[in-house]
Every structure is written in structure tokens, then in C-alpha cells.
Amino acid sequence: MAEERKVFITKENKATFVCPKCQRMHTGDVSEYKDIDRAVRIKCKCGCGHVYSVLLERRKYYRKKTDLPGVYIFGEFRTPMRVRDISRTGLKFELKGKRHLMPGDKLVVEFPLNDEKKTFIQKEIVIKTVNGLLVGTEFCEVTPGDPMDKAIGFYLVPDRKK
């Protein structure tokens, strides 16, 4: 089975679908799906005849899966972790072992992106969720002019070759 593609919904409740076979693009109204509280998968049929499945993503920002080594700093402790995904406004990381982290805790994360420049990122975050060894966070500050935020934005540009 082909890989399922994510399609993001805009503020105007529109989504742009790209056929994986011919790369033809089509933008359509998806407002009927905006208030559904679960994953929404739909089948699309392109003008070329190809049928494919997409997952409608209602997040505000694209989230890129990663496997980046790093550390988080909490108080005086520097602890290894793995960044599992990243977006413009936050990231998810995996702990190496059980820790006492709670929603609302503020920490600093440090990790290199695996971009061409190996850009070093150091950001203050606040924990939003803890699910086993996975920790969902939000950046405390996102500033368009900040070089690290620019690097993250550039890093998140989806690879259209896939």
C-alpha cells in the first residue's frame, strides 16, 4: 500500500491535494471535516484517474518527523534525549528513561538540526504533555527574526521530491 500523505487545512477550510502519480494539484473546500474530533482520511481521485488516500491535518503548523540527538536542561541537570518531531511552535522529544517531568515545567533544549549547516538550536520550552517517555512541548517564544526560528522554518519546508 502506498504511503499516506498529510494535507493541511487552511484557515479558510481549504486543502490542496497533490496527486502522487502525476503531481497535479487541486484545492478544495473541506469545511465539512473541520469539527470532527478524530483523524479524517479521505480518498481522492485525480483527473489522471489515480486514486489515493490522504489524512487531513488540522494542526496549525506542519510537524516534521525527526530522530535528532540532543539534551534538555532542567535545573542543574543536562539529560540526553531524542527529538522525534518538530514544528514552528514546538517539538516532541523522547526521554532515555523515566523522569519526573510535568506539564507546565520549563526547560531548555539543545540539539543540532540535520540540515546542511548542522544548525545548533537552543530554545526554552514549556511541557504540554507527558505520555510515557514522549514529551510534547511548545516553544516559549517564536520570533520571526530570530536566526534559530528562521533555521527551524527553513528546515520544515516539506521535501517535494517524495
C-alpha atoms as a PDB file:
ATOM      1  CA  MET A   1       0.000   0.000   0.000  1.00  0.00           C
ATOM      2  CA  ALA A   2       1.263   3.499  -0.839  1.00  0.00           C
ATOM      3  CA  GLU A   3       2.349   5.893   1.893  1.00  0.00           C
ATOM      4  CA  GLU A   4      -0.481   8.047   3.212  1.00  0.00           C
ATOM      5  CA  ARG A   5       0.084  11.751   2.664  1.00  0.00           C
ATOM      6  CA  LYS A   6      -0.934  14.539   5.016  1.00  0.00           C
ATOM      7  CA  VAL A   7      -2.855  17.501   3.675  1.00  0.00           C
ATOM      8  CA  PHE A   8      -3.148  20.628   5.804  1.00  0.00           C
ATOM      9  CA  ILE A   9      -6.383  22.590   6.195  1.00  0.00           C
ATOM     10  CA  THR A  10      -6.059  26.373   5.902  1.00  0.00           C
ATOM     11  CA  LYS A  11      -7.920  28.984   7.978  1.00  0.00           C
ATOM     12  CA  GLU A  12     -10.335  29.239   5.048  1.00  0.00           C
ATOM     13  CA  ASN A  13     -11.101  25.468   5.368  1.00  0.00           C
ATOM     14  CA  LYS A  14      -9.387  24.681   2.078  1.00  0.00           C
ATOM     15  CA  ALA A  15      -6.885  21.920   1.371  1.00  0.00           C
ATOM     16  CA  THR A  16      -4.524  21.423  -1.554  1.00  0.00           C
ATOM     17  CA  PHE A  17      -4.250  17.860  -2.816  1.00  0.00           C
ATOM     18  CA  VAL A  18      -1.275  16.728  -4.909  1.00  0.00           C
ATOM     19  CA  CYS A  19      -1.604  13.542  -6.939  1.00  0.00           C
ATOM     20  CA  PRO A  20       1.369  11.279  -6.106  1.00  0.00           C
ATOM     21  CA  LYS A  21       1.308   9.878  -9.654  1.00  0.00           C
ATOM     22  CA  CYS A  22       1.187  12.973 -11.879  1.00  0.00           C
ATOM     23  CA  GLN A  23       1.802  15.806  -9.327  1.00  0.00           C
ATOM     24  CA  ARG A  24      -1.375  17.613 -10.463  1.00  0.00           C
ATOM     25  CA  MET A  25      -2.675  19.948  -7.738  1.00  0.00           C
ATOM     26  CA  HIS A  26      -6.278  20.579  -6.761  1.00  0.00           C
ATOM     27  CA  THR A  27      -7.567  22.855  -3.976  1.00  0.00           C
ATOM     28  CA  GLY A  28     -10.945  22.067  -2.476  1.00  0.00           C
ATOM     29  CA  ASP A  29     -13.293  23.052   0.333  1.00  0.00           C
ATOM     30  CA  VAL A  30     -13.024  20.667   3.307  1.00  0.00           C
ATOM     31  CA  SER A  31     -15.164  22.618   5.805  1.00  0.00           C
ATOM     32  CA  GLU A  32     -17.394  19.566   6.358  1.00  0.00           C
ATOM     33  CA  TYR A  33     -14.453  17.883   8.172  1.00  0.00           C
ATOM     34  CA  LYS A  34     -13.215  20.783  10.333  1.00  0.00           C
ATOM     35  CA  ASP A  35     -15.101  19.915  13.540  1.00  0.00           C
ATOM     36  CA  ILE A  36     -14.562  16.134  13.550  1.00  0.00           C
ATOM     37  CA  ASP A  37     -12.591  15.141  16.667  1.00  0.00           C
ATOM     38  CA  ARG A  38     -10.693  12.227  15.138  1.00  0.00           C
ATOM     39  CA  ALA A  39      -8.329  11.583  12.250  1.00  0.00           C
ATOM     40  CA  VAL A  40     -10.022  12.153   8.904  1.00  0.00           C
ATOM     41  CA  ARG A  41      -8.860  10.063   5.958  1.00  0.00           C
ATOM     42  CA  ILE A  42     -10.368  10.656   2.553  1.00  0.00           C
ATOM     43  CA  LYS A  43      -9.912   9.105  -0.871  1.00  0.00           C
ATOM     44  CA  CYS A  44      -9.148  11.425  -3.748  1.00  0.00           C
ATOM     45  CA  LYS A  45      -9.477  10.749  -7.456  1.00  0.00           C
ATOM     46  CA  CYS A  46      -7.226  12.773  -9.710  1.00  0.00           C
ATOM     47  CA  GLY A  47      -8.109  13.833 -13.253  1.00  0.00           C
ATOM     48  CA  CYS A  48      -5.445  11.356 -14.434  1.00  0.00           C
ATOM     49  CA  GLY A  49      -7.551   8.546 -12.920  1.00  0.00           C
ATOM     50  CA  HIS A  50      -5.240   7.774  -9.984  1.00  0.00           C
ATOM     51  CA  VAL A  51      -7.000   7.176  -6.640  1.00  0.00           C
ATOM     52  CA  TYR A  52      -5.065   7.945  -3.449  1.00  0.00           C
ATOM     53  CA  SER A  53      -5.691   8.396   0.267  1.00  0.00           C
ATOM     54  CA  VAL A  54      -4.874  11.488   2.348  1.00  0.00           C
ATOM     55  CA  LEU A  55      -5.023  12.355   6.025  1.00  0.00           C
ATOM     56  CA  LEU A  56      -6.498  15.799   6.693  1.00  0.00           C
ATOM     57  CA  GLU A  57      -4.274  17.562   9.228  1.00  0.00           C
ATOM     58  CA  ARG A  58      -5.900  20.225  11.345  1.00  0.00           C
ATOM     59  CA  ARG A  59      -2.730  21.353  13.143  1.00  0.00           C
ATOM     60  CA  LYS A  60      -1.816  24.974  12.633  1.00  0.00           C
ATOM     61  CA  TYR A  61       1.709  24.091  11.535  1.00  0.00           C
ATOM     62  CA  TYR A  62       3.410  21.275   9.694  1.00  0.00           C
ATOM     63  CA  ARG A  63       5.153  18.801  12.000  1.00  0.00           C
ATOM     64  CA  LYS A  64       8.257  17.061  10.656  1.00  0.00           C
ATOM     65  CA  LYS A  65       9.292  13.651  11.966  1.00  0.00           C
ATOM     66  CA  THR A  66      12.902  13.567  13.117  1.00  0.00           C
ATOM     67  CA  ASP A  67      15.422  11.477  15.031  1.00  0.00           C
ATOM     68  CA  LEU A  68      17.829  14.095  16.349  1.00  0.00           C
ATOM     69  CA  PRO A  69      20.099  13.648  19.381  1.00  0.00           C
ATOM     70  CA  GLY A  70      20.071  16.401  21.958  1.00  0.00           C
ATOM     71  CA  VAL A  71      19.871  17.307  25.610  1.00  0.00           C
ATOM     72  CA  TYR A  72      17.348  19.033  27.793  1.00  0.00           C
ATOM     73  CA  ILE A  73      18.416  21.188  30.701  1.00  0.00           C
ATOM     74  CA  PHE A  74      16.223  21.183  33.797  1.00  0.00           C
ATOM     75  CA  GLY A  75      17.702  22.969  36.792  1.00  0.00           C
ATOM     76  CA  GLU A  76      21.329  21.884  37.020  1.00  0.00           C
ATOM     77  CA  PHE A  77      20.851  18.668  35.056  1.00  0.00           C
ATOM     78  CA  ARG A  78      21.714  18.085  31.380  1.00  0.00           C
ATOM     79  CA  THR A  79      19.903  14.949  30.239  1.00  0.00           C
ATOM     80  CA  PRO A  80      20.149  13.173  26.847  1.00  0.00           C
ATOM     81  CA  MET A  81      17.000  12.951  24.720  1.00  0.00           C
ATOM     82  CA  ARG A  82      15.902  12.379  21.089  1.00  0.00           C
ATOM     83  CA  VAL A  83      13.862  14.982  19.194  1.00  0.00           C
ATOM     84  CA  ARG A  84      11.109  12.928  17.496  1.00  0.00           C
ATOM     85  CA  ASP A  85       9.304  15.733  15.673  1.00  0.00           C
ATOM     86  CA  ILE A  86       9.454  19.482  15.315  1.00  0.00           C
ATOM     87  CA  SER A  87       7.155  22.279  14.145  1.00  0.00           C
ATOM     88  CA  ARG A  88       7.355  26.073  14.052  1.00  0.00           C
ATOM     89  CA  THR A  89       5.904  26.282  17.567  1.00  0.00           C
ATOM     90  CA  GLY A  90       7.257  23.264  19.424  1.00  0.00           C
ATOM     91  CA  LEU A  91       8.663  19.772  19.425  1.00  0.00           C
ATOM     92  CA  LYS A  92       8.220  16.288  20.788  1.00  0.00           C
ATOM     93  CA  PHE A  93      11.146  14.527  22.418  1.00  0.00           C
ATOM     94  CA  GLU A  94      11.752  11.081  23.821  1.00  0.00           C
ATOM     95  CA  LEU A  95      13.332  10.501  27.204  1.00  0.00           C
ATOM     96  CA  LYS A  96      16.045   7.862  27.642  1.00  0.00           C
ATOM     97  CA  GLY A  97      14.397   6.709  30.878  1.00  0.00           C
ATOM     98  CA  LYS A  98      11.666   7.661  33.349  1.00  0.00           C
ATOM     99  CA  ARG A  99      11.977  11.244  34.616  1.00  0.00           C
ATOM    100  CA  HIS A 100       9.787  13.433  36.780  1.00  0.00           C
ATOM    101  CA  LEU A 101       8.716  15.995  34.203  1.00  0.00           C
ATOM    102  CA  MET A 102       5.258  17.558  34.392  1.00  0.00           C
ATOM    103  CA  PRO A 103       3.084  19.743  32.159  1.00  0.00           C
ATOM    104  CA  GLY A 104       3.976  23.360  32.896  1.00  0.00           C
ATOM    105  CA  ASP A 105       7.674  22.657  33.588  1.00  0.00           C
ATOM    106  CA  LYS A 106      10.036  24.970  31.696  1.00  0.00           C
ATOM    107  CA  LEU A 107      13.312  23.621  30.328  1.00  0.00           C
ATOM    108  CA  VAL A 108      15.916  24.411  27.715  1.00  0.00           C
ATOM    109  CA  VAL A 109      16.561  22.051  24.798  1.00  0.00           C
ATOM    110  CA  GLU A 110      19.742  21.912  22.736  1.00  0.00           C
ATOM    111  CA  PHE A 111      20.191  19.914  19.550  1.00  0.00           C
ATOM    112  CA  PRO A 112      21.665  20.206  16.057  1.00  0.00           C
ATOM    113  CA  LEU A 113      19.372  20.069  13.052  1.00  0.00           C
ATOM    114  CA  ASN A 114      20.434  17.577  10.395  1.00  0.00           C
ATOM    115  CA  ASP A 115      20.400  20.329   7.771  1.00  0.00           C
ATOM    116  CA  GLU A 116      23.365  21.205   5.580  1.00  0.00           C
ATOM    117  CA  LYS A 117      24.763  23.657   8.168  1.00  0.00           C
ATOM    118  CA  LYS A 118      24.089  21.376  11.184  1.00  0.00           C
ATOM    119  CA  THR A 119      22.369  24.404  12.751  1.00  0.00           C
ATOM    120  CA  PHE A 120      22.585  24.351  16.552  1.00  0.00           C
ATOM    121  CA  ILE A 121      19.233  25.035  18.216  1.00  0.00           C
ATOM    122  CA  GLN A 122      18.861  26.191  21.814  1.00  0.00           C
ATOM    123  CA  LYS A 123      15.298  27.053  22.843  1.00  0.00           C
ATOM    124  CA  GLU A 124      13.334  27.462  26.054  1.00  0.00           C
ATOM    125  CA  ILE A 125      10.249  25.249  26.070  1.00  0.00           C
ATOM    126  CA  VAL A 126       7.255  24.547  28.262  1.00  0.00           C
ATOM    127  CA  ILE A 127       5.957  20.996  28.631  1.00  0.00           C
ATOM    128  CA  LYS A 128       2.390  20.497  27.410  1.00  0.00           C
ATOM    129  CA  THR A 129       2.027  16.688  27.622  1.00  0.00           C
ATOM    130  CA  VAL A 130       3.896  13.710  29.025  1.00  0.00           C
ATOM    131  CA  ASN A 131       2.911  10.304  27.655  1.00  0.00           C
ATOM    132  CA  GLY A 132       5.273   7.602  28.891  1.00  0.00           C
ATOM    133  CA  LEU A 133       8.702   8.546  27.576  1.00  0.00           C
ATOM    134  CA  LEU A 134       7.309  11.050  24.999  1.00  0.00           C
ATOM    135  CA  VAL A 135       7.151  14.717  25.973  1.00  0.00           C
ATOM    136  CA  GLY A 136       5.136  17.232  23.918  1.00  0.00           C
ATOM    137  CA  THR A 137       6.330  20.815  24.228  1.00  0.00           C
ATOM    138  CA  GLU A 138       5.789  24.336  22.990  1.00  0.00           C
ATOM    139  CA  PHE A 139       8.500  26.933  22.430  1.00  0.00           C
ATOM    140  CA  CYS A 140       8.223  29.759  24.976  1.00  0.00           C
ATOM    141  CA  GLU A 141       8.990  32.301  22.285  1.00  0.00           C
ATOM    142  CA  VAL A 142       8.931  32.274  18.488  1.00  0.00           C
ATOM    143  CA  THR A 143      10.341  35.395  16.847  1.00  0.00           C
ATOM    144  CA  PRO A 144      10.402  35.642  13.036  1.00  0.00           C
ATOM    145  CA  GLY A 145      13.744  37.490  13.069  1.00  0.00           C
ATOM    146  CA  ASP A 146      15.484  35.040  15.414  1.00  0.00           C
ATOM    147  CA  PRO A 147      18.144  33.051  13.482  1.00  0.00           C
ATOM    148  CA  MET A 148      17.165  29.781  15.226  1.00  0.00           C
ATOM    149  CA  ASP A 149      13.474  30.279  14.408  1.00  0.00           C
ATOM    150  CA  LYS A 150      14.401  31.072  10.796  1.00  0.00           C
ATOM    151  CA  ALA A 151      16.522  27.900  10.643  1.00  0.00           C
ATOM    152  CA  ILE A 152      13.632  25.825  12.029  1.00  0.00           C
ATOM    153  CA  GLY A 153      11.232  27.356   9.485  1.00  0.00           C
ATOM    154  CA  PHE A 154      13.622  26.578   6.649  1.00  0.00           C
ATOM    155  CA  TYR A 155      14.171  23.053   7.988  1.00  0.00           C
ATOM    156  CA  LEU A 156      10.414  22.426   7.951  1.00  0.00           C
ATOM    157  CA  VAL A 157       9.907  23.111   4.248  1.00  0.00           C
ATOM    158  CA  PRO A 158       8.471  19.784   3.018  1.00  0.00           C
ATOM    159  CA  ASP A 159      10.582  17.794   0.582  1.00  0.00           C
ATOM    160  CA  ARG A 160       8.538  17.785  -2.633  1.00  0.00           C
ATOM    161  CA  LYS A 161      10.660  15.020  -4.225  1.00  0.00           C
ATOM    162  CA  LYS A 162       8.883  12.266  -2.283  1.00  0.00           C
END
